[in-house]
């Protein structure tokens, strides 16, 4: 269905899609990119020092994540000391708190998917171990296709026809041109 006469639905339209459709689109999208759960293997290799925690990209929270996670504490800091900037508060949180992502599961992922995950600050462990890359999933207990960040990637990159609609403007222009031709 997607071609020159269609356009991707908006983020708002994606948000309004039935949950079952979003989950199905996401499940189909990740099928070729997430190979398998390798949590026991990666945890064992990290524990034995074969893999190194320092090699985890995006292992710590971004400033935006810290601002969200410690919002109340940061507001309190700024109210107690009006000269403190947001950056000062973030640095204090980094010194006093553990701002590393808590990784519950490890998945072997495709190179393409690794790059997409890296773009959204998901923890990635690149290894020389058969040149494998592992995604450190920071939640557990539900199917991956239910994760909001993964659904957002599916919205952005999937080619599922449910993500496209007829481009009415383009259709109107073509129709107008057809009517004006001799």
N, C-alpha and C. Protein backbone atom coordinates (compact mmCIF):
# COMPACT_ATOMS: atom_id res chain seq x y z
N UNK A 1 0.81 -1.19 0.00
CA UNK A 1 0.00 0.00 0.00
C UNK A 1 0.86 1.26 0.00
N UNK A 2 2.01 1.25 0.68
CA UNK A 2 2.78 2.49 0.73
C UNK A 2 3.54 2.67 -0.57
N UNK A 3 3.40 3.84 -1.09
CA UNK A 3 4.01 4.20 -2.36
C UNK A 3 3.94 5.71 -2.49
N UNK A 4 3.95 6.17 -3.73
CA UNK A 4 3.98 7.61 -3.93
C UNK A 4 2.66 8.28 -3.55
N UNK A 5 1.59 7.52 -3.39
CA UNK A 5 0.28 8.08 -3.04
C UNK A 5 -0.02 8.01 -1.55
N UNK A 6 0.92 7.57 -0.75
CA UNK A 6 0.67 7.42 0.69
C UNK A 6 1.67 8.22 1.50
N UNK A 7 1.31 8.43 2.75
CA UNK A 7 2.23 9.05 3.70
C UNK A 7 2.07 8.36 5.04
N UNK A 8 3.13 8.45 5.83
CA UNK A 8 3.13 7.82 7.16
C UNK A 8 2.14 8.56 8.05
N UNK A 9 1.44 7.79 8.89
CA UNK A 9 0.52 8.41 9.83
C UNK A 9 1.32 9.25 10.83
N UNK A 10 0.68 10.18 11.47
CA UNK A 10 1.35 11.05 12.44
C UNK A 10 1.56 10.31 13.76
N UNK A 11 2.40 10.89 14.61
CA UNK A 11 2.62 10.32 15.94
C UNK A 11 1.31 10.26 16.72
N UNK A 12 0.48 11.28 16.57
CA UNK A 12 -0.81 11.30 17.26
C UNK A 12 -1.71 10.17 16.77
N UNK A 13 -1.70 9.92 15.47
CA UNK A 13 -2.49 8.81 14.92
C UNK A 13 -1.95 7.47 15.40
N UNK A 14 -0.62 7.36 15.49
CA UNK A 14 -0.01 6.13 16.03
C UNK A 14 -0.49 5.91 17.47
N UNK A 15 -0.45 6.98 18.27
CA UNK A 15 -0.86 6.86 19.66
C UNK A 15 -2.32 6.43 19.79
N UNK A 16 -3.15 6.77 18.80
CA UNK A 16 -4.58 6.42 18.84
C UNK A 16 -4.88 5.04 18.25
N UNK A 17 -3.88 4.41 17.61
CA UNK A 17 -4.12 3.07 17.08
C UNK A 17 -4.49 2.13 18.21
N UNK A 18 -5.33 1.14 17.94
CA UNK A 18 -5.63 0.15 18.98
C UNK A 18 -4.34 -0.52 19.46
N UNK A 19 -4.25 -0.77 20.76
CA UNK A 19 -3.04 -1.35 21.34
C UNK A 19 -2.66 -2.66 20.64
N UNK A 20 -3.65 -3.45 20.29
CA UNK A 20 -3.37 -4.72 19.61
C UNK A 20 -2.64 -4.52 18.29
N UNK A 21 -3.03 -3.46 17.54
CA UNK A 21 -2.36 -3.17 16.27
C UNK A 21 -0.92 -2.71 16.51
N UNK A 22 -0.72 -1.82 17.50
CA UNK A 22 0.64 -1.35 17.79
C UNK A 22 1.53 -2.52 18.22
N UNK A 23 0.98 -3.39 19.04
CA UNK A 23 1.76 -4.54 19.51
C UNK A 23 2.10 -5.46 18.35
N UNK A 24 1.14 -5.70 17.47
CA UNK A 24 1.38 -6.58 16.33
C UNK A 24 2.41 -5.98 15.37
N UNK A 25 2.29 -4.70 15.08
CA UNK A 25 3.26 -4.01 14.21
C UNK A 25 4.66 -4.10 14.82
N UNK A 26 4.74 -3.85 16.13
CA UNK A 26 6.03 -3.89 16.82
C UNK A 26 6.60 -5.30 16.83
N UNK A 27 5.76 -6.28 17.10
CA UNK A 27 6.23 -7.67 17.12
C UNK A 27 6.78 -8.09 15.76
N UNK A 28 6.09 -7.72 14.70
CA UNK A 28 6.55 -8.06 13.35
C UNK A 28 7.86 -7.30 13.04
N UNK A 29 7.95 -6.06 13.49
CA UNK A 29 9.12 -5.22 13.24
C UNK A 29 10.38 -5.81 13.90
N UNK A 30 10.28 -6.25 15.14
CA UNK A 30 11.47 -6.71 15.86
C UNK A 30 11.87 -8.14 15.52
N UNK A 31 10.98 -8.85 14.87
CA UNK A 31 11.21 -10.27 14.59
C UNK A 31 12.57 -10.53 13.92
N UNK A 32 12.98 -9.68 13.00
CA UNK A 32 14.25 -9.88 12.28
C UNK A 32 15.45 -9.22 12.95
N UNK A 33 15.21 -8.55 14.07
CA UNK A 33 16.30 -7.78 14.67
C UNK A 33 16.73 -8.26 16.05
N UNK A 34 15.86 -8.93 16.76
CA UNK A 34 16.21 -9.46 18.08
C UNK A 34 16.29 -10.97 17.94
N UNK A 35 17.52 -11.48 18.07
CA UNK A 35 17.72 -12.90 17.82
C UNK A 35 17.27 -13.75 19.00
N UNK A 36 17.86 -13.53 20.18
CA UNK A 36 17.47 -14.35 21.33
C UNK A 36 17.97 -13.75 22.62
N UNK A 37 17.34 -14.18 23.68
CA UNK A 37 17.75 -13.78 25.01
C UNK A 37 19.07 -14.48 25.33
N UNK A 38 20.07 -13.70 25.73
CA UNK A 38 21.38 -14.25 26.06
C UNK A 38 21.81 -13.80 27.46
N UNK A 39 20.84 -13.58 28.33
CA UNK A 39 21.12 -13.02 29.65
C UNK A 39 22.11 -13.86 30.46
N UNK A 40 21.89 -15.15 30.52
CA UNK A 40 22.79 -15.99 31.32
C UNK A 40 24.22 -15.95 30.77
N UNK A 41 24.35 -16.03 29.47
CA UNK A 41 25.67 -16.00 28.85
C UNK A 41 26.38 -14.69 29.15
N UNK A 42 25.71 -13.57 28.88
CA UNK A 42 26.34 -12.26 29.06
C UNK A 42 26.65 -12.01 30.53
N UNK A 43 25.71 -12.34 31.42
CA UNK A 43 25.96 -12.14 32.85
C UNK A 43 27.16 -12.97 33.32
N UNK A 44 27.26 -14.21 32.85
CA UNK A 44 28.40 -15.06 33.22
C UNK A 44 29.71 -14.49 32.69
N UNK A 45 29.71 -14.04 31.44
CA UNK A 45 30.93 -13.49 30.85
C UNK A 45 31.32 -12.17 31.49
N UNK A 46 30.35 -11.38 31.92
CA UNK A 46 30.65 -10.15 32.67
C UNK A 46 31.24 -10.51 34.04
N UNK A 47 30.63 -11.48 34.71
CA UNK A 47 31.11 -11.89 36.04
C UNK A 47 32.54 -12.45 35.98
N UNK A 48 32.87 -13.14 34.90
CA UNK A 48 34.21 -13.73 34.76
C UNK A 48 35.23 -12.74 34.20
N UNK A 49 34.78 -11.53 33.86
CA UNK A 49 35.69 -10.52 33.35
C UNK A 49 36.03 -10.67 31.87
N UNK A 50 35.35 -11.59 31.19
CA UNK A 50 35.58 -11.75 29.75
C UNK A 50 34.96 -10.58 29.01
N UNK A 51 33.77 -10.17 29.44
CA UNK A 51 33.17 -8.91 29.00
C UNK A 51 33.39 -7.92 30.13
N UNK A 52 33.42 -6.64 29.79
CA UNK A 52 33.72 -5.61 30.77
C UNK A 52 32.55 -4.62 30.85
N UNK A 53 32.15 -4.28 32.05
CA UNK A 53 31.06 -3.32 32.23
C UNK A 53 31.39 -1.96 31.60
N UNK A 54 32.67 -1.63 31.54
CA UNK A 54 33.09 -0.36 30.94
C UNK A 54 32.83 -0.32 29.44
N UNK A 55 32.59 -1.48 28.83
CA UNK A 55 32.34 -1.55 27.39
C UNK A 55 30.86 -1.36 27.03
N UNK A 56 30.04 -1.12 28.03
CA UNK A 56 28.60 -0.92 27.77
C UNK A 56 28.38 0.53 27.35
N UNK A 57 27.96 0.71 26.10
CA UNK A 57 27.61 2.06 25.63
C UNK A 57 26.26 2.44 26.23
N UNK A 58 26.09 3.71 26.51
CA UNK A 58 24.84 4.21 27.09
C UNK A 58 24.52 3.51 28.41
N UNK A 59 25.56 3.21 29.17
CA UNK A 59 25.36 2.52 30.43
C UNK A 59 24.81 3.42 31.52
N UNK A 60 24.91 4.73 31.32
CA UNK A 60 24.41 5.67 32.32
C UNK A 60 23.27 6.50 31.75
N UNK A 61 22.49 7.05 32.65
CA UNK A 61 21.35 7.86 32.25
C UNK A 61 21.82 9.17 31.61
N UNK A 62 21.03 9.67 30.68
CA UNK A 62 21.28 10.98 30.08
C UNK A 62 20.83 12.05 31.08
N UNK A 63 21.21 13.29 30.80
CA UNK A 63 20.75 14.39 31.64
C UNK A 63 19.23 14.44 31.69
N UNK A 64 18.57 14.21 30.56
CA UNK A 64 17.11 14.26 30.51
C UNK A 64 16.50 13.17 31.38
N UNK A 65 17.10 11.98 31.35
CA UNK A 65 16.60 10.88 32.19
C UNK A 65 16.77 11.21 33.68
N UNK A 66 17.90 11.82 34.02
CA UNK A 66 18.14 12.22 35.42
C UNK A 66 17.13 13.27 35.84
N UNK A 67 16.89 14.26 34.97
CA UNK A 67 15.91 15.30 35.29
C UNK A 67 14.53 14.70 35.54
N UNK A 68 14.18 13.69 34.79
CA UNK A 68 12.88 13.04 34.96
C UNK A 68 12.86 12.18 36.23
N UNK A 69 13.88 11.36 36.41
CA UNK A 69 13.94 10.40 37.52
C UNK A 69 14.04 11.09 38.88
N UNK A 70 14.82 12.16 38.97
CA UNK A 70 15.04 12.87 40.23
C UNK A 70 14.42 14.27 40.20
N UNK A 71 13.31 14.40 39.52
CA UNK A 71 12.67 15.71 39.34
C UNK A 71 12.40 16.39 40.69
N UNK A 72 11.81 15.69 41.64
CA UNK A 72 11.49 16.30 42.93
C UNK A 72 12.74 16.72 43.68
N UNK A 73 13.77 15.88 43.67
CA UNK A 73 15.02 16.22 44.36
C UNK A 73 15.68 17.44 43.73
N UNK A 74 15.67 17.51 42.43
CA UNK A 74 16.29 18.64 41.73
C UNK A 74 15.53 19.93 42.02
N UNK A 75 14.21 19.86 42.03
CA UNK A 75 13.41 21.04 42.37
C UNK A 75 13.71 21.51 43.80
N UNK A 76 13.86 20.56 44.72
CA UNK A 76 14.19 20.89 46.11
C UNK A 76 15.56 21.56 46.19
N UNK A 77 16.56 20.98 45.46
CA UNK A 77 17.90 21.56 45.45
C UNK A 77 17.88 23.00 44.96
N UNK A 78 17.14 23.23 43.87
CA UNK A 78 17.09 24.58 43.28
C UNK A 78 16.35 25.55 44.19
N UNK A 79 15.32 25.08 44.91
CA UNK A 79 14.60 25.99 45.81
C UNK A 79 15.43 26.32 47.05
N UNK A 80 16.25 25.36 47.51
CA UNK A 80 17.11 25.61 48.66
C UNK A 80 18.31 26.47 48.31
N UNK A 81 18.74 26.44 47.05
CA UNK A 81 19.87 27.23 46.61
C UNK A 81 19.55 27.79 45.23
N UNK A 82 18.94 28.97 45.17
CA UNK A 82 18.49 29.54 43.89
C UNK A 82 19.61 29.77 42.87
N UNK A 83 20.86 29.80 43.31
CA UNK A 83 21.98 30.00 42.38
C UNK A 83 22.35 28.72 41.63
N UNK A 84 21.83 27.59 42.08
CA UNK A 84 22.15 26.32 41.42
C UNK A 84 21.47 26.23 40.07
N UNK A 85 22.23 25.81 39.09
CA UNK A 85 21.66 25.60 37.77
C UNK A 85 21.21 24.14 37.66
N UNK A 86 20.48 23.86 36.62
CA UNK A 86 20.06 22.48 36.36
C UNK A 86 21.29 21.58 36.19
N UNK A 87 22.29 22.09 35.52
CA UNK A 87 23.53 21.34 35.30
C UNK A 87 24.21 21.02 36.63
N UNK A 88 24.24 21.99 37.55
CA UNK A 88 24.81 21.74 38.88
C UNK A 88 24.06 20.62 39.59
N UNK A 89 22.75 20.67 39.51
CA UNK A 89 21.93 19.64 40.16
C UNK A 89 22.18 18.27 39.56
N UNK A 90 22.27 18.21 38.25
CA UNK A 90 22.52 16.93 37.58
C UNK A 90 23.86 16.36 38.03
N UNK A 91 24.88 17.21 38.12
CA UNK A 91 26.20 16.76 38.55
C UNK A 91 26.16 16.24 39.99
N UNK A 92 25.40 16.90 40.86
CA UNK A 92 25.26 16.42 42.23
C UNK A 92 24.58 15.06 42.27
N UNK A 93 23.54 14.89 41.47
CA UNK A 93 22.87 13.60 41.41
C UNK A 93 23.84 12.53 40.93
N UNK A 94 24.63 12.84 39.91
CA UNK A 94 25.60 11.86 39.39
C UNK A 94 26.63 11.48 40.46
N UNK A 95 27.00 12.43 41.34
CA UNK A 95 27.98 12.13 42.39
C UNK A 95 27.37 11.32 43.52
N UNK A 96 26.09 11.60 43.84
CA UNK A 96 25.46 10.99 45.01
C UNK A 96 24.63 9.76 44.73
N UNK A 97 24.21 9.56 43.51
CA UNK A 97 23.29 8.47 43.19
C UNK A 97 23.88 7.57 42.11
N UNK A 98 23.34 6.37 42.04
CA UNK A 98 23.72 5.45 40.97
C UNK A 98 22.88 5.79 39.75
N UNK A 99 23.50 6.35 38.75
CA UNK A 99 22.76 6.76 37.55
C UNK A 99 23.00 5.80 36.39
N UNK A 100 23.49 4.61 36.71
CA UNK A 100 23.64 3.60 35.67
C UNK A 100 22.28 2.99 35.36
N UNK A 101 22.09 2.63 34.10
CA UNK A 101 20.88 1.91 33.74
C UNK A 101 20.90 0.55 34.43
N UNK A 102 19.76 0.17 34.97
CA UNK A 102 19.65 -1.15 35.58
C UNK A 102 19.22 -2.13 34.49
N UNK A 103 20.12 -3.03 34.14
CA UNK A 103 19.88 -3.96 33.03
C UNK A 103 19.40 -5.29 33.60
N UNK A 104 18.25 -5.73 33.11
CA UNK A 104 17.65 -6.98 33.58
C UNK A 104 17.86 -8.14 32.61
N UNK A 105 17.96 -7.84 31.33
CA UNK A 105 18.04 -8.88 30.31
C UNK A 105 19.02 -8.44 29.22
N UNK A 106 19.63 -9.42 28.57
CA UNK A 106 20.54 -9.16 27.45
C UNK A 106 20.02 -9.89 26.22
N UNK A 107 19.97 -9.19 25.08
CA UNK A 107 19.49 -9.78 23.83
C UNK A 107 20.52 -9.59 22.73
N UNK A 108 20.73 -10.64 21.96
CA UNK A 108 21.56 -10.57 20.77
C UNK A 108 20.74 -9.86 19.70
N UNK A 109 21.29 -8.78 19.12
CA UNK A 109 20.53 -7.97 18.17
C UNK A 109 21.31 -7.77 16.88
N UNK A 110 20.58 -7.43 15.83
CA UNK A 110 21.21 -7.13 14.54
C UNK A 110 21.99 -5.83 14.64
N UNK A 111 22.94 -5.65 13.72
CA UNK A 111 23.72 -4.40 13.69
C UNK A 111 22.82 -3.19 13.47
N UNK A 112 21.85 -3.33 12.57
CA UNK A 112 20.95 -2.21 12.28
C UNK A 112 20.17 -1.83 13.52
N UNK A 113 19.64 -2.82 14.21
CA UNK A 113 18.83 -2.57 15.41
C UNK A 113 19.71 -2.02 16.54
N UNK A 114 20.93 -2.49 16.63
CA UNK A 114 21.88 -1.95 17.61
C UNK A 114 22.02 -0.44 17.43
N UNK A 115 22.18 -0.01 16.18
CA UNK A 115 22.33 1.43 15.91
C UNK A 115 21.08 2.21 16.29
N UNK A 116 19.90 1.64 16.04
CA UNK A 116 18.66 2.32 16.41
C UNK A 116 18.53 2.41 17.94
N UNK A 117 18.90 1.35 18.63
CA UNK A 117 18.84 1.35 20.09
C UNK A 117 19.83 2.35 20.68
N UNK A 118 20.99 2.42 20.07
CA UNK A 118 22.00 3.36 20.55
C UNK A 118 21.51 4.80 20.41
N UNK A 119 20.78 5.08 19.34
CA UNK A 119 20.25 6.42 19.12
C UNK A 119 19.27 6.86 20.21
N UNK A 120 18.61 5.91 20.85
CA UNK A 120 17.65 6.26 21.90
C UNK A 120 18.21 5.96 23.30
N UNK A 121 19.53 5.89 23.39
CA UNK A 121 20.26 5.74 24.66
C UNK A 121 19.96 4.43 25.38
N UNK A 122 19.73 3.37 24.62
CA UNK A 122 19.58 2.05 25.23
C UNK A 122 20.98 1.46 25.42
N UNK A 123 21.22 0.75 26.52
CA UNK A 123 22.53 0.15 26.76
C UNK A 123 22.87 -0.92 25.71
N UNK A 124 24.08 -0.83 25.19
CA UNK A 124 24.57 -1.76 24.17
C UNK A 124 25.95 -2.25 24.60
N UNK A 125 26.15 -3.56 24.51
CA UNK A 125 27.45 -4.15 24.76
C UNK A 125 27.96 -4.72 23.45
N UNK A 126 28.99 -4.07 22.89
CA UNK A 126 29.64 -4.58 21.68
C UNK A 126 30.81 -5.43 22.12
N UNK A 127 30.93 -6.60 21.51
CA UNK A 127 32.00 -7.50 21.93
C UNK A 127 32.79 -8.01 20.72
N UNK A 128 33.96 -8.53 21.02
CA UNK A 128 34.74 -9.22 20.00
C UNK A 128 34.35 -10.69 19.95
N UNK A 129 33.47 -11.08 20.82
CA UNK A 129 32.99 -12.45 20.92
C UNK A 129 32.10 -12.72 19.73
N UNK A 130 32.67 -13.26 18.66
CA UNK A 130 31.99 -13.50 17.40
C UNK A 130 31.38 -12.21 16.85
N UNK A 131 31.92 -11.06 17.22
CA UNK A 131 31.45 -9.74 16.77
C UNK A 131 29.97 -9.54 17.07
N UNK A 132 29.56 -10.00 18.25
CA UNK A 132 28.16 -9.89 18.66
C UNK A 132 27.91 -8.59 19.41
N UNK A 133 26.70 -8.09 19.26
CA UNK A 133 26.25 -6.93 20.02
C UNK A 133 25.02 -7.35 20.82
N UNK A 134 25.00 -6.89 22.06
CA UNK A 134 23.92 -7.25 22.96
C UNK A 134 23.22 -5.98 23.45
N UNK A 135 21.92 -6.03 23.46
CA UNK A 135 21.10 -4.95 23.99
C UNK A 135 20.81 -5.26 25.45
N UNK A 136 21.09 -4.30 26.31
CA UNK A 136 20.77 -4.44 27.73
C UNK A 136 19.39 -3.86 27.99
N UNK A 137 18.41 -4.74 28.11
CA UNK A 137 17.02 -4.30 28.32
C UNK A 137 16.84 -3.90 29.78
N UNK A 138 16.28 -2.72 29.97
CA UNK A 138 16.15 -2.14 31.31
C UNK A 138 14.78 -2.39 31.93
N UNK A 139 14.06 -3.34 31.42
CA UNK A 139 12.81 -3.75 32.05
C UNK A 139 12.67 -5.25 31.84
N UNK A 140 11.73 -5.84 32.52
CA UNK A 140 11.54 -7.28 32.42
C UNK A 140 10.10 -7.60 32.80
N UNK A 141 9.69 -8.81 32.50
CA UNK A 141 8.36 -9.24 32.93
C UNK A 141 7.26 -9.04 31.92
N UNK A 142 7.59 -8.50 30.77
CA UNK A 142 6.59 -8.34 29.72
C UNK A 142 7.26 -8.57 28.37
N UNK A 143 6.44 -8.82 27.38
CA UNK A 143 6.96 -9.02 26.03
C UNK A 143 7.64 -7.74 25.54
N UNK A 144 8.71 -7.89 24.77
CA UNK A 144 9.46 -6.74 24.27
C UNK A 144 8.57 -5.82 23.45
N UNK A 145 7.63 -6.38 22.69
CA UNK A 145 6.78 -5.53 21.85
C UNK A 145 5.84 -4.65 22.66
N UNK A 146 5.80 -4.80 23.97
CA UNK A 146 5.01 -3.92 24.83
C UNK A 146 5.82 -2.71 25.32
N UNK A 147 7.15 -2.75 25.17
CA UNK A 147 8.00 -1.64 25.62
C UNK A 147 7.72 -0.41 24.76
N UNK A 148 7.45 0.71 25.41
CA UNK A 148 7.12 1.95 24.69
C UNK A 148 8.26 2.38 23.76
N UNK A 149 9.50 2.29 24.23
CA UNK A 149 10.62 2.72 23.39
C UNK A 149 10.74 1.86 22.13
N UNK A 150 10.43 0.58 22.23
CA UNK A 150 10.50 -0.31 21.08
C UNK A 150 9.31 -0.04 20.15
N UNK A 151 8.15 0.26 20.72
CA UNK A 151 7.00 0.64 19.89
C UNK A 151 7.30 1.93 19.13
N UNK A 152 7.99 2.86 19.77
CA UNK A 152 8.35 4.10 19.09
C UNK A 152 9.30 3.83 17.91
N UNK A 153 10.23 2.89 18.09
CA UNK A 153 11.11 2.52 16.97
C UNK A 153 10.30 1.88 15.85
N UNK A 154 9.34 1.04 16.20
CA UNK A 154 8.50 0.41 15.17
C UNK A 154 7.72 1.47 14.41
N UNK A 155 7.18 2.45 15.11
CA UNK A 155 6.45 3.52 14.43
C UNK A 155 7.37 4.23 13.44
N UNK A 156 8.57 4.51 13.87
CA UNK A 156 9.50 5.30 13.05
C UNK A 156 10.07 4.52 11.86
N UNK A 157 10.29 3.20 12.02
CA UNK A 157 11.04 2.46 11.01
C UNK A 157 10.28 1.33 10.32
N UNK A 158 9.15 0.93 10.84
CA UNK A 158 8.44 -0.19 10.23
C UNK A 158 7.80 0.24 8.91
N UNK A 159 7.65 -0.70 8.02
CA UNK A 159 6.99 -0.42 6.74
C UNK A 159 5.61 -1.09 6.68
N UNK A 160 5.07 -1.44 7.83
CA UNK A 160 3.75 -2.06 7.90
C UNK A 160 2.71 -1.13 7.26
N UNK A 161 1.84 -1.69 6.45
CA UNK A 161 0.87 -0.86 5.71
C UNK A 161 -0.08 -0.11 6.63
N UNK A 162 -0.27 -0.57 7.86
CA UNK A 162 -1.15 0.14 8.79
C UNK A 162 -0.58 1.48 9.22
N UNK A 163 0.68 1.72 8.93
CA UNK A 163 1.32 2.98 9.28
C UNK A 163 1.23 4.03 8.17
N UNK A 164 0.53 3.68 7.11
CA UNK A 164 0.44 4.58 5.96
C UNK A 164 -1.01 4.83 5.61
N UNK A 165 -1.25 6.00 5.07
CA UNK A 165 -2.59 6.36 4.63
C UNK A 165 -2.47 7.10 3.30
N UNK A 166 -3.58 7.19 2.60
CA UNK A 166 -3.59 7.91 1.32
C UNK A 166 -3.27 9.37 1.59
N UNK A 167 -2.37 9.91 0.81
CA UNK A 167 -2.01 11.32 0.90
C UNK A 167 -3.06 12.11 0.11
N UNK A 168 -4.05 12.62 0.81
CA UNK A 168 -5.18 13.30 0.18
C UNK A 168 -4.74 14.52 -0.62
N UNK A 169 -3.74 15.25 -0.12
CA UNK A 169 -3.25 16.44 -0.84
C UNK A 169 -2.66 16.05 -2.19
N UNK A 170 -1.84 15.01 -2.20
CA UNK A 170 -1.22 14.56 -3.44
C UNK A 170 -2.29 14.04 -4.40
N UNK A 171 -3.24 13.29 -3.85
CA UNK A 171 -4.33 12.75 -4.66
C UNK A 171 -5.14 13.88 -5.29
N UNK A 172 -5.40 14.93 -4.52
CA UNK A 172 -6.16 16.08 -5.03
C UNK A 172 -5.39 16.80 -6.14
N UNK A 173 -4.07 16.99 -5.95
CA UNK A 173 -3.27 17.65 -6.98
C UNK A 173 -3.27 16.84 -8.27
N UNK A 174 -3.14 15.55 -8.17
CA UNK A 174 -3.14 14.68 -9.35
C UNK A 174 -4.50 14.74 -10.01
N UNK A 175 -5.53 14.69 -9.20
CA UNK A 175 -6.90 14.73 -9.74
C UNK A 175 -7.15 16.06 -10.44
N UNK A 176 -6.68 17.16 -9.85
CA UNK A 176 -6.84 18.48 -10.45
C UNK A 176 -6.11 18.56 -11.78
N UNK A 177 -4.88 18.00 -11.83
CA UNK A 177 -4.11 17.98 -13.07
C UNK A 177 -4.81 17.17 -14.14
N UNK A 178 -5.41 16.06 -13.75
CA UNK A 178 -6.13 15.23 -14.73
C UNK A 178 -7.33 15.97 -15.32
N UNK A 179 -8.00 16.76 -14.50
CA UNK A 179 -9.17 17.49 -14.97
C UNK A 179 -8.79 18.65 -15.89
N UNK A 180 -7.58 19.20 -15.75
CA UNK A 180 -7.18 20.34 -16.55
C UNK A 180 -6.51 19.95 -17.85
N UNK A 181 -6.21 18.68 -18.01
CA UNK A 181 -5.57 18.25 -19.26
C UNK A 181 -6.59 18.21 -20.38
N UNK A 182 -6.15 18.58 -21.59
CA UNK A 182 -7.09 18.57 -22.71
C UNK A 182 -7.39 17.15 -23.18
